[in-house]
């Protein structure tokens, strides 16, 4: 059971990392989408990416090593 939780944490973290380039491109190219119609909103979303990765790893009990 624990191994499955760690696997899910890794998969979610990998997904969040994988979509980061698209979110960065949306910010750089000033593309609206998903209610993100200002640079400020797009930047805030980018800043929360590391938080989402850490949250995925922490909430699924991913080991530190």
PDB file of N, CA and C in Angstrom:
ATOM      1  N   UNK A   1       0.825  -1.195   0.000  1.00  0.00           N
ATOM      2  CA  UNK A   1       0.000   0.000   0.000  1.00  0.00           C
ATOM      3  C   UNK A   1       0.869   1.258   0.000  1.00  0.00           C
ATOM      4  N   UNK A   2       1.901   1.297   0.853  1.00  0.00           N
ATOM      5  CA  UNK A   2       2.776   2.466   0.915  1.00  0.00           C
ATOM      6  C   UNK A   2       3.503   2.677  -0.402  1.00  0.00           C
ATOM      7  N   UNK A   3       3.916   1.581  -1.033  1.00  0.00           N
ATOM      8  CA  UNK A   3       4.614   1.690  -2.309  1.00  0.00           C
ATOM      9  C   UNK A   3       3.701   2.348  -3.351  1.00  0.00           C
ATOM     10  N   UNK A   4       2.427   2.007  -3.335  1.00  0.00           N
ATOM     11  CA  UNK A   4       1.470   2.616  -4.268  1.00  0.00           C
ATOM     12  C   UNK A   4       1.331   4.109  -4.008  1.00  0.00           C
ATOM     13  N   UNK A   5       1.310   4.496  -2.753  1.00  0.00           N
ATOM     14  CA  UNK A   5       1.201   5.927  -2.417  1.00  0.00           C
ATOM     15  C   UNK A   5       2.418   6.691  -2.914  1.00  0.00           C
ATOM     16  N   UNK A   6       3.590   6.120  -2.741  1.00  0.00           N
ATOM     17  CA  UNK A   6       4.817   6.771  -3.205  1.00  0.00           C
ATOM     18  C   UNK A   6       4.791   6.880  -4.730  1.00  0.00           C
ATOM     19  N   UNK A   7       4.352   5.835  -5.398  1.00  0.00           N
ATOM     20  CA  UNK A   7       4.264   5.859  -6.859  1.00  0.00           C
ATOM     21  C   UNK A   7       3.306   6.955  -7.328  1.00  0.00           C
ATOM     22  N   UNK A   8       2.168   7.059  -6.688  1.00  0.00           N
ATOM     23  CA  UNK A   8       1.203   8.104  -7.048  1.00  0.00           C
ATOM     24  C   UNK A   8       1.811   9.487  -6.813  1.00  0.00           C
ATOM     25  N   UNK A   9       2.505   9.674  -5.714  1.00  0.00           N
ATOM     26  CA  UNK A   9       3.163  10.946  -5.441  1.00  0.00           C
ATOM     27  C   UNK A   9       4.169  11.306  -6.519  1.00  0.00           C
ATOM     28  N   UNK A  10       4.942  10.330  -6.937  1.00  0.00           N
ATOM     29  CA  UNK A  10       5.922  10.574  -7.994  1.00  0.00           C
ATOM     30  C   UNK A  10       5.246  10.907  -9.319  1.00  0.00           C
ATOM     31  N   UNK A  11       4.167  10.201  -9.628  1.00  0.00           N
ATOM     32  CA  UNK A  11       3.449  10.460 -10.877  1.00  0.00           C
ATOM     33  C   UNK A  11       2.819  11.847 -10.895  1.00  0.00           C
ATOM     34  N   UNK A  12       2.218  12.239  -9.790  1.00  0.00           N
ATOM     35  CA  UNK A  12       1.613  13.574  -9.722  1.00  0.00           C
ATOM     36  C   UNK A  12       2.688  14.652  -9.809  1.00  0.00           C
ATOM     37  N   UNK A  13       3.778  14.459  -9.095  1.00  0.00           N
ATOM     38  CA  UNK A  13       4.880  15.429  -9.150  1.00  0.00           C
ATOM     39  C   UNK A  13       5.443  15.514 -10.567  1.00  0.00           C
ATOM     40  N   UNK A  14       5.597  14.381 -11.233  1.00  0.00           N
ATOM     41  CA  UNK A  14       6.106  14.371 -12.607  1.00  0.00           C
ATOM     42  C   UNK A  14       5.141  15.082 -13.551  1.00  0.00           C
ATOM     43  N   UNK A  15       3.855  14.886 -13.351  1.00  0.00           N
ATOM     44  CA  UNK A  15       2.863  15.564 -14.183  1.00  0.00           C
ATOM     45  C   UNK A  15       2.954  17.076 -14.009  1.00  0.00           C
ATOM     46  N   UNK A  16       3.056  17.522 -12.772  1.00  0.00           N
ATOM     47  CA  UNK A  16       3.138  18.967 -12.512  1.00  0.00           C
ATOM     48  C   UNK A  16       4.395  19.543 -13.157  1.00  0.00           C
ATOM     49  N   UNK A  17       5.498  18.814 -13.090  1.00  0.00           N
ATOM     50  CA  UNK A  17       6.739  19.265 -13.731  1.00  0.00           C
ATOM     51  C   UNK A  17       6.585  19.248 -15.253  1.00  0.00           C
ATOM     52  N   UNK A  18       5.896  18.246 -15.792  1.00  0.00           N
ATOM     53  CA  UNK A  18       5.743  18.121 -17.245  1.00  0.00           C
ATOM     54  C   UNK A  18       4.909  19.249 -17.843  1.00  0.00           C
ATOM     55  N   UNK A  19       3.928  19.751 -17.121  1.00  0.00           N
ATOM     56  CA  UNK A  19       3.084  20.818 -17.675  1.00  0.00           C
ATOM     57  C   UNK A  19       3.687  22.203 -17.429  1.00  0.00           C
ATOM     58  N   UNK A  20       4.757  22.286 -16.665  1.00  0.00           N
ATOM     59  CA  UNK A  20       5.383  23.578 -16.385  1.00  0.00           C
ATOM     60  C   UNK A  20       5.798  24.336 -17.646  1.00  0.00           C
ATOM     61  N   UNK A  21       6.434  23.692 -18.641  1.00  0.00           N
ATOM     62  CA  UNK A  21       6.806  24.447 -19.845  1.00  0.00           C
ATOM     63  C   UNK A  21       5.604  25.086 -20.551  1.00  0.00           C
ATOM     64  N   UNK A  22       4.482  24.420 -20.551  1.00  0.00           N
ATOM     65  CA  UNK A  22       3.286  24.996 -21.157  1.00  0.00           C
ATOM     66  C   UNK A  22       2.790  26.202 -20.386  1.00  0.00           C
ATOM     67  N   UNK A  23       2.849  26.116 -19.086  1.00  0.00           N
ATOM     68  CA  UNK A  23       2.432  27.249 -18.256  1.00  0.00           C
ATOM     69  C   UNK A  23       3.403  28.413 -18.412  1.00  0.00           C
ATOM     70  N   UNK A  24       4.678  28.099 -18.524  1.00  0.00           N
ATOM     71  CA  UNK A  24       5.678  29.135 -18.746  1.00  0.00           C
ATOM     72  C   UNK A  24       5.464  29.810 -20.105  1.00  0.00           C
ATOM     73  N   UNK A  25       5.191  29.018 -21.126  1.00  0.00           N
ATOM     74  CA  UNK A  25       4.924  29.572 -22.460  1.00  0.00           C
ATOM     75  C   UNK A  25       3.672  30.446 -22.440  1.00  0.00           C
ATOM     76  N   UNK A  26       2.663  30.041 -21.699  1.00  0.00           N
ATOM     77  CA  UNK A  26       1.447  30.843 -21.589  1.00  0.00           C
ATOM     78  C   UNK A  26       1.761  32.198 -20.960  1.00  0.00           C
ATOM     79  N   UNK A  27       2.634  32.211 -19.977  1.00  0.00           N
ATOM     80  CA  UNK A  27       3.032  33.472 -19.335  1.00  0.00           C
ATOM     81  C   UNK A  27       3.863  34.339 -20.284  1.00  0.00           C
ATOM     82  N   UNK A  28       4.870  33.741 -20.904  1.00  0.00           N
ATOM     83  CA  UNK A  28       5.777  34.486 -21.781  1.00  0.00           C
ATOM     84  C   UNK A  28       5.032  35.053 -22.996  1.00  0.00           C
ATOM     85  N   UNK A  29       4.129  34.259 -23.558  1.00  0.00           N
ATOM     86  CA  UNK A  29       3.399  34.672 -24.760  1.00  0.00           C
ATOM     87  C   UNK A  29       2.104  35.409 -24.462  1.00  0.00           C
ATOM     88  N   UNK A  30       1.829  35.628 -23.182  1.00  0.00           N
ATOM     89  CA  UNK A  30       0.631  36.362 -22.743  1.00  0.00           C
ATOM     90  C   UNK A  30      -0.660  35.761 -23.311  1.00  0.00           C
ATOM     91  N   UNK A  31      -0.784  34.450 -23.181  1.00  0.00           N
ATOM     92  CA  UNK A  31      -1.962  33.732 -23.663  1.00  0.00           C
ATOM     93  C   UNK A  31      -2.983  33.585 -22.541  1.00  0.00           C
ATOM     94  N   UNK A  32      -4.208  33.936 -22.832  1.00  0.00           N
ATOM     95  CA  UNK A  32      -5.293  33.769 -21.864  1.00  0.00           C
ATOM     96  C   UNK A  32      -5.771  32.318 -21.891  1.00  0.00           C
ATOM     97  N   UNK A  33      -6.267  31.879 -20.783  1.00  0.00           N
ATOM     98  CA  UNK A  33      -6.827  30.539 -20.701  1.00  0.00           C
ATOM     99  C   UNK A  33      -7.109  30.168 -19.265  1.00  0.00           C
ATOM    100  N   UNK A  34      -8.178  29.434 -19.068  1.00  0.00           N
ATOM    101  CA  UNK A  34      -8.553  28.940 -17.745  1.00  0.00           C
ATOM    102  C   UNK A  34      -8.738  30.063 -16.731  1.00  0.00           C
ATOM    103  N   UNK A  35      -9.226  31.210 -17.197  1.00  0.00           N
ATOM    104  CA  UNK A  35      -9.449  32.341 -16.308  1.00  0.00           C
ATOM    105  C   UNK A  35      -8.197  33.141 -15.995  1.00  0.00           C
ATOM    106  N   UNK A  36      -7.092  32.784 -16.622  1.00  0.00           N
ATOM    107  CA  UNK A  36      -5.831  33.488 -16.388  1.00  0.00           C
ATOM    108  C   UNK A  36      -5.675  34.556 -17.468  1.00  0.00           C
ATOM    109  N   UNK A  37      -6.256  35.713 -17.210  1.00  0.00           N
ATOM    110  CA  UNK A  37      -6.302  36.756 -18.221  1.00  0.00           C
ATOM    111  C   UNK A  37      -5.381  37.937 -17.924  1.00  0.00           C
ATOM    112  N   UNK A  38      -4.512  37.792 -16.929  1.00  0.00           N
ATOM    113  CA  UNK A  38      -3.522  38.832 -16.636  1.00  0.00           C
ATOM    114  C   UNK A  38      -2.168  38.174 -16.382  1.00  0.00           C
ATOM    115  N   UNK A  39      -1.111  38.966 -16.596  1.00  0.00           N
ATOM    116  CA  UNK A  39       0.235  38.457 -16.313  1.00  0.00           C
ATOM    117  C   UNK A  39       0.390  38.098 -14.842  1.00  0.00           C
ATOM    118  N   UNK A  40      -0.232  38.861 -13.981  1.00  0.00           N
ATOM    119  CA  UNK A  40      -0.124  38.598 -12.542  1.00  0.00           C
ATOM    120  C   UNK A  40      -0.687  37.218 -12.188  1.00  0.00           C
ATOM    121  N   UNK A  41      -1.857  36.900 -12.714  1.00  0.00           N
ATOM    122  CA  UNK A  41      -2.464  35.592 -12.438  1.00  0.00           C
ATOM    123  C   UNK A  41      -1.604  34.458 -12.976  1.00  0.00           C
ATOM    124  N   UNK A  42      -1.059  34.644 -14.184  1.00  0.00           N
ATOM    125  CA  UNK A  42      -0.206  33.604 -14.770  1.00  0.00           C
ATOM    126  C   UNK A  42       1.087  33.436 -13.969  1.00  0.00           C
ATOM    127  N   UNK A  43       1.659  34.531 -13.482  1.00  0.00           N
ATOM    128  CA  UNK A  43       2.884  34.455 -12.688  1.00  0.00           C
ATOM    129  C   UNK A  43       2.628  33.769 -11.348  1.00  0.00           C
ATOM    130  N   UNK A  44       1.524  34.093 -10.716  1.00  0.00           N
ATOM    131  CA  UNK A  44       1.188  33.451  -9.441  1.00  0.00           C
ATOM    132  C   UNK A  44       1.071  31.950  -9.627  1.00  0.00           C
ATOM    133  N   UNK A  45       0.456  31.536 -10.737  1.00  0.00           N
ATOM    134  CA  UNK A  45       0.327  30.101 -10.992  1.00  0.00           C
ATOM    135  C   UNK A  45       1.708  29.468 -11.155  1.00  0.00           C
ATOM    136  N   UNK A  46       2.612  30.145 -11.832  1.00  0.00           N
ATOM    137  CA  UNK A  46       3.971  29.610 -11.992  1.00  0.00           C
ATOM    138  C   UNK A  46       4.684  29.473 -10.651  1.00  0.00           C
ATOM    139  N   UNK A  47       4.492  30.454  -9.790  1.00  0.00           N
ATOM    140  CA  UNK A  47       5.157  30.420  -8.491  1.00  0.00           C
ATOM    141  C   UNK A  47       4.648  29.288  -7.605  1.00  0.00           C
ATOM    142  N   UNK A  48       3.441  28.819  -7.855  1.00  0.00           N
ATOM    143  CA  UNK A  48       2.885  27.724  -7.051  1.00  0.00           C
ATOM    144  C   UNK A  48       3.292  26.342  -7.556  1.00  0.00           C
ATOM    145  N   UNK A  49       3.965  26.262  -8.688  1.00  0.00           N
ATOM    146  CA  UNK A  49       4.386  24.964  -9.206  1.00  0.00           C
ATOM    147  C   UNK A  49       5.269  24.196  -8.225  1.00  0.00           C
ATOM    148  N   UNK A  50       6.320  24.801  -7.659  1.00  0.00           N
ATOM    149  CA  UNK A  50       7.135  24.050  -6.685  1.00  0.00           C
ATOM    150  C   UNK A  50       6.330  23.622  -5.457  1.00  0.00           C
ATOM    151  N   UNK A  51       5.371  24.444  -5.066  1.00  0.00           N
ATOM    152  CA  UNK A  51       4.511  24.089  -3.928  1.00  0.00           C
ATOM    153  C   UNK A  51       3.707  22.838  -4.257  1.00  0.00           C
ATOM    154  N   UNK A  52       3.172  22.770  -5.480  1.00  0.00           N
ATOM    155  CA  UNK A  52       2.383  21.598  -5.883  1.00  0.00           C
ATOM    156  C   UNK A  52       3.230  20.336  -5.930  1.00  0.00           C
ATOM    157  N   UNK A  53       4.458  20.457  -6.409  1.00  0.00           N
ATOM    158  CA  UNK A  53       5.356  19.291  -6.445  1.00  0.00           C
ATOM    159  C   UNK A  53       5.650  18.821  -5.023  1.00  0.00           C
ATOM    160  N   UNK A  54       5.991  19.751  -4.151  1.00  0.00           N
ATOM    161  CA  UNK A  54       6.280  19.392  -2.755  1.00  0.00           C
ATOM    162  C   UNK A  54       5.059  18.799  -2.066  1.00  0.00           C
ATOM    163  N   UNK A  55       3.904  19.359  -2.338  1.00  0.00           N
ATOM    164  CA  UNK A  55       2.664  18.867  -1.730  1.00  0.00           C
ATOM    165  C   UNK A  55       2.366  17.444  -2.191  1.00  0.00           C
ATOM    166  N   UNK A  56       2.554  17.162  -3.477  1.00  0.00           N
ATOM    167  CA  UNK A  56       2.320  15.815  -3.991  1.00  0.00           C
ATOM    168  C   UNK A  56       3.241  14.823  -3.314  1.00  0.00           C
ATOM    169  N   UNK A  57       4.495  15.195  -3.140  1.00  0.00           N
ATOM    170  CA  UNK A  57       5.440  14.269  -2.519  1.00  0.00           C
ATOM    171  C   UNK A  57       5.156  14.101  -1.029  1.00  0.00           C
ATOM    172  N   UNK A  58       4.867  15.196  -0.341  1.00  0.00           N
ATOM    173  CA  UNK A  58       4.609  15.127   1.100  1.00  0.00           C
ATOM    174  C   UNK A  58       3.328  14.359   1.399  1.00  0.00           C
ATOM    175  N   UNK A  59       2.263  14.637   0.670  1.00  0.00           N
ATOM    176  CA  UNK A  59       0.957  14.061   1.000  1.00  0.00           C
ATOM    177  C   UNK A  59       0.902  12.562   0.725  1.00  0.00           C
ATOM    178  N   UNK A  60       1.785  12.054  -0.101  1.00  0.00           N
ATOM    179  CA  UNK A  60       1.777  10.628  -0.383  1.00  0.00           C
ATOM    180  C   UNK A  60       2.870   9.891   0.380  1.00  0.00           C
ATOM    181  N   UNK A  61       3.544  10.595   1.283  1.00  0.00           N
ATOM    182  CA  UNK A  61       4.535   9.953   2.123  1.00  0.00           C
ATOM    183  C   UNK A  61       5.803   9.547   1.397  1.00  0.00           C
ATOM    184  N   UNK A  62       6.168  10.314   0.380  1.00  0.00           N
ATOM    185  CA  UNK A  62       7.366   9.974  -0.384  1.00  0.00           C
ATOM    186  C   UNK A  62       8.592  10.062   0.517  1.00  0.00           C
ATOM    187  N   UNK A  63       9.430   9.043   0.465  1.00  0.00           N
ATOM    188  CA  UNK A  63      10.636   9.069   1.301  1.00  0.00           C
ATOM    189  C   UNK A  63      11.589  10.184   0.878  1.00  0.00           C
ATOM    190  N   UNK A  64      12.395  10.634   1.813  1.00  0.00           N
ATOM    191  CA  UNK A  64      13.316  11.748   1.556  1.00  0.00           C
ATOM    192  C   UNK A  64      14.497  11.322   0.704  1.00  0.00           C
ATOM    193  N   UNK A  65      14.875  10.081   0.761  1.00  0.00           N
ATOM    194  CA  UNK A  65      16.064   9.629   0.047  1.00  0.00           C
ATOM    195  C   UNK A  65      15.818   8.971  -1.251  1.00  0.00           C
TER     196      UNK A  65
END
